[in-house]
Amino acid sequence: MHATPFNLPDTEAKSEFRKQLHLIFSENKITAEKILPTWSANDQISHQMVQIRNLPLGDRMTCYIERRVDEQRSWYARKATMNRKDARFWVIVGCIAYIVAVVFTLSHIAIPDWQYWPIEPVIVLAASLVGWTQIKKFNELAAAYTVTAHEIGLIRPMVESVMTESDFSEFVNDAEKAFSREHTLWIARKSD
C-alpha cells in the first residue's frame, strides 16, 4: 500500500518487508514452525503485491478497503455470530444435561428399587459441559469480535478524508494497529 515503513523506493521497501518478516518469524518461532513447506516455497513478495503497490492512490485505496478492511470486518462479524451461536448451543446442551440429571434423581427417589440410574455420569457430563463453555470463552470472544468489527466499521469512513499518500499511509497504519491490537488480545486469550 506504500504505507510507512514501506513508503520507500521499491528495492528498499522489499528489503524492509523481508526484515519485518524475519523479525516476525524470529519472535514467533512456534508459529513459524507450523508453516507448511509448500507455503514457504512461495515468493514472500508476490507479483500481485508489486502490481497493487504500483497502482495509483485511488486504486490502492479501493483495493485496501475492499480486500483488507471490509474482509477483516466481515471476518470479525462472522466470528462474533459463530461464537454467540456456539455459546447458546453449549448452554442449552448443558441445561438439558442438568435437567436429565434432575429427572433421574427424582425418578430414583420415586423408584428406589431400580439400581441403574445413571445420575453420576449425567452430572459429570453436565459439569463438563459447563467447564467446556468456560474454557472456550464463547461469550467473551463474541463480545471481543463484535467490538473489533464495530471498531473497523468506525475506521472505514476515515478513508473519505484521505487526500494524499501521507494521509493514506496514516490511515493504513491506524487500521493495521486496530487489527494488530485484536490479534494480540486473541493470542493472549489463547495462552490463558
Protein backbone atom coordinates (compact mmCIF):
# COMPACT_ATOMS: atom_id res chain seq x y z
CA MET A 1 0.00 0.00 0.00
CA HIS A 2 3.08 2.23 0.03
CA ALA A 3 2.40 2.93 3.73
CA THR A 4 5.04 3.59 6.38
CA PRO A 5 7.52 1.88 6.83
CA PHE A 6 7.26 0.72 3.21
CA ASN A 7 6.86 4.15 1.60
CA LEU A 8 10.34 3.81 0.15
CA PRO A 9 11.67 3.11 -3.33
CA ASP A 10 10.77 -0.42 -4.43
CA THR A 11 14.11 -2.09 -3.69
CA GLU A 12 14.35 -0.58 -0.21
CA ALA A 13 10.68 -1.36 0.50
CA LYS A 14 11.23 -5.03 -0.44
CA SER A 15 14.27 -5.16 1.81
CA GLU A 16 12.32 -3.61 4.70
CA PHE A 17 9.46 -6.06 4.14
CA ARG A 18 11.85 -9.02 4.28
CA LYS A 19 13.37 -7.63 7.51
CA GLN A 20 9.89 -7.29 9.03
CA LEU A 21 9.01 -10.88 8.07
CA HIS A 22 12.28 -12.14 9.53
CA LEU A 23 11.58 -10.25 12.76
CA ILE A 24 8.04 -11.66 12.97
CA PHE A 25 9.29 -15.21 12.49
CA SER A 26 12.13 -14.84 14.95
CA GLU A 27 9.71 -13.53 17.60
CA ASN A 28 7.13 -16.24 16.86
CA LYS A 29 9.15 -19.41 16.40
CA ILE A 30 6.22 -21.65 17.37
CA THR A 31 4.06 -20.11 14.67
CA ALA A 32 6.89 -20.25 12.15
CA GLU A 33 7.33 -23.99 12.78
CA LYS A 34 3.71 -24.60 11.75
CA ILE A 35 4.10 -23.04 8.31
CA LEU A 36 3.77 -25.60 5.58
CA PRO A 37 6.75 -26.13 3.27
CA THR A 38 4.51 -25.51 0.24
CA TRP A 39 3.71 -22.02 1.55
CA SER A 40 7.34 -21.34 2.43
CA ALA A 41 8.39 -22.16 -1.12
CA ASN A 42 6.24 -19.32 -2.48
CA ASP A 43 7.63 -15.85 -3.06
CA GLN A 44 7.02 -13.73 0.02
CA ILE A 45 6.66 -10.67 -2.20
CA SER A 46 4.23 -11.80 -4.85
CA HIS A 47 3.69 -10.39 -8.31
CA GLN A 48 0.22 -9.25 -7.22
CA MET A 49 1.70 -7.34 -4.26
CA VAL A 50 4.03 -5.49 -6.62
CA GLN A 51 1.15 -4.74 -9.02
CA ILE A 52 -1.02 -3.34 -6.23
CA ARG A 53 1.88 -1.28 -4.86
CA ASN A 54 2.29 0.33 -8.28
CA LEU A 55 -1.40 1.28 -8.65
CA PRO A 56 -2.45 4.94 -8.40
CA LEU A 57 -3.51 6.13 -4.94
CA GLY A 58 -7.25 5.88 -5.61
CA ASP A 59 -7.00 2.30 -6.84
CA ARG A 60 -4.83 1.29 -3.87
CA MET A 61 -7.35 2.87 -1.51
CA THR A 62 -10.20 0.92 -3.13
CA CYS A 63 -8.17 -2.28 -3.03
CA TYR A 64 -7.23 -1.79 0.63
CA ILE A 65 -10.80 -1.01 1.69
CA GLU A 66 -12.32 -3.95 -0.19
CA ARG A 67 -9.64 -6.58 0.33
CA ARG A 68 -8.42 -5.72 3.80
CA VAL A 69 -10.76 -3.51 5.81
CA ASP A 70 -14.07 -4.94 4.58
CA GLU A 71 -12.77 -8.52 4.72
CA GLN A 72 -11.48 -8.04 8.27
CA ARG A 73 -14.78 -6.51 9.39
CA SER A 74 -16.73 -9.33 7.76
CA TRP A 75 -14.45 -11.97 9.34
CA TYR A 76 -14.82 -10.49 12.84
CA ALA A 77 -18.61 -10.17 12.43
CA ARG A 78 -18.85 -13.83 11.31
CA LYS A 79 -16.68 -14.97 14.24
CA ALA A 80 -18.84 -12.97 16.68
CA THR A 81 -22.00 -14.59 15.33
CA MET A 82 -20.44 -18.06 15.37
CA ASN A 83 -19.23 -17.69 18.98
CA ARG A 84 -22.63 -16.35 20.09
CA LYS A 85 -24.33 -19.37 18.48
CA ASP A 86 -21.79 -21.77 20.00
CA ALA A 87 -22.30 -20.24 23.45
CA ARG A 88 -26.05 -20.58 23.15
CA PHE A 89 -25.78 -24.17 21.88
CA TRP A 90 -23.48 -25.36 24.67
CA VAL A 91 -25.52 -23.62 27.38
CA ILE A 92 -28.66 -25.34 26.08
CA VAL A 93 -26.91 -28.72 25.94
CA GLY A 94 -25.59 -28.18 29.50
CA CYS A 95 -29.07 -27.22 30.76
CA ILE A 96 -30.56 -30.31 29.13
CA ALA A 97 -27.93 -32.47 30.83
CA TYR A 98 -28.78 -30.90 34.22
CA ILE A 99 -32.50 -31.39 33.59
CA VAL A 100 -31.88 -35.05 32.73
CA ALA A 101 -29.84 -35.40 35.95
CA VAL A 102 -32.70 -33.86 38.00
CA VAL A 103 -35.25 -36.13 36.30
CA PHE A 104 -33.08 -39.19 37.03
CA THR A 105 -32.63 -38.07 40.64
CA LEU A 106 -36.37 -37.58 41.13
CA SER A 107 -37.05 -40.88 39.37
CA HIS A 108 -34.57 -42.58 41.67
CA ILE A 109 -36.46 -41.17 44.66
CA ALA A 110 -39.77 -42.36 43.16
CA ILE A 111 -38.42 -45.78 42.18
CA PRO A 112 -35.62 -46.55 44.68
CA ASP A 113 -35.55 -50.29 43.96
CA TRP A 114 -34.18 -49.89 40.45
CA GLN A 115 -30.38 -49.66 40.70
CA TYR A 116 -29.38 -48.49 37.25
CA TRP A 117 -29.97 -44.74 37.34
CA PRO A 118 -27.01 -43.08 35.52
CA ILE A 119 -27.19 -39.99 37.72
CA GLU A 120 -23.47 -39.54 38.36
CA PRO A 121 -22.35 -39.85 34.73
CA VAL A 122 -25.01 -37.34 33.65
CA ILE A 123 -23.92 -34.90 36.38
CA VAL A 124 -20.29 -35.33 35.29
CA LEU A 125 -21.37 -34.68 31.69
CA ALA A 126 -23.31 -31.55 32.71
CA ALA A 127 -20.39 -30.22 34.75
CA SER A 128 -18.02 -30.98 31.88
CA LEU A 129 -20.21 -29.01 29.50
CA VAL A 130 -20.15 -26.02 31.84
CA GLY A 131 -16.35 -26.33 32.05
CA TRP A 132 -16.14 -26.60 28.26
CA THR A 133 -18.04 -23.35 27.76
CA GLN A 134 -15.84 -21.66 30.37
CA ILE A 135 -12.64 -22.84 28.70
CA LYS A 136 -13.75 -21.89 25.20
CA LYS A 137 -14.86 -18.41 26.36
CA PHE A 138 -17.53 -18.21 23.66
CA ASN A 139 -19.29 -15.16 25.12
CA GLU A 140 -16.03 -13.31 25.76
CA LEU A 141 -14.83 -13.99 22.23
CA ALA A 142 -18.20 -12.99 20.75
CA ALA A 143 -18.01 -9.67 22.61
CA ALA A 144 -14.39 -9.07 21.56
CA TYR A 145 -15.11 -9.88 17.92
CA THR A 146 -18.19 -7.66 17.94
CA VAL A 147 -16.23 -4.73 19.37
CA THR A 148 -13.47 -5.21 16.80
CA ALA A 149 -15.96 -5.39 13.90
CA HIS A 150 -17.54 -2.19 15.23
CA GLU A 151 -14.14 -0.51 15.56
CA ILE A 152 -13.27 -1.46 11.99
CA GLY A 153 -16.62 -0.02 10.95
CA LEU A 154 -15.58 3.25 12.60
CA ILE A 155 -12.20 3.19 10.84
CA ARG A 156 -13.63 2.62 7.36
CA PRO A 157 -15.27 6.07 6.86
CA MET A 158 -11.97 7.74 7.75
CA VAL A 159 -10.76 6.89 4.24
CA GLU A 160 -13.01 9.68 2.95
CA SER A 161 -10.63 12.28 4.39
CA VAL A 162 -7.60 10.71 2.66
CA MET A 163 -6.27 13.06 0.00
CA THR A 164 -2.53 12.37 -0.14
CA GLU A 165 -0.09 9.49 0.04
CA SER A 166 0.80 10.63 3.56
CA ASP A 167 -2.88 10.60 4.63
CA PHE A 168 -3.30 7.11 3.17
CA SER A 169 -0.16 5.88 4.92
CA GLU A 170 -1.53 7.15 8.23
CA PHE A 171 -4.94 5.58 7.51
CA VAL A 172 -3.40 2.18 6.70
CA ASN A 173 -1.24 2.24 9.82
CA ASP A 174 -4.22 3.17 12.03
CA ALA A 175 -6.28 0.35 10.53
CA GLU A 176 -3.45 -2.17 10.91
CA LYS A 177 -2.98 -1.13 14.55
CA ALA A 178 -6.65 -1.94 15.19
CA PHE A 179 -6.26 -5.36 13.56
CA SER A 180 -2.98 -5.97 15.38
CA ARG A 181 -4.46 -5.00 18.74
CA GLU A 182 -7.19 -7.64 18.37
CA HIS A 183 -4.70 -10.25 17.15
CA THR A 184 -2.55 -9.57 20.22
CA LEU A 185 -5.55 -9.88 22.55
CA TRP A 186 -6.59 -13.09 20.78
CA ILE A 187 -3.13 -14.61 21.29
CA ALA A 188 -3.21 -13.58 24.96
CA ARG A 189 -6.66 -15.18 25.44
CA LYS A 190 -5.50 -18.38 23.73
CA SER A 191 -2.50 -18.65 26.02
CA ASP A 192 -4.61 -18.24 29.23
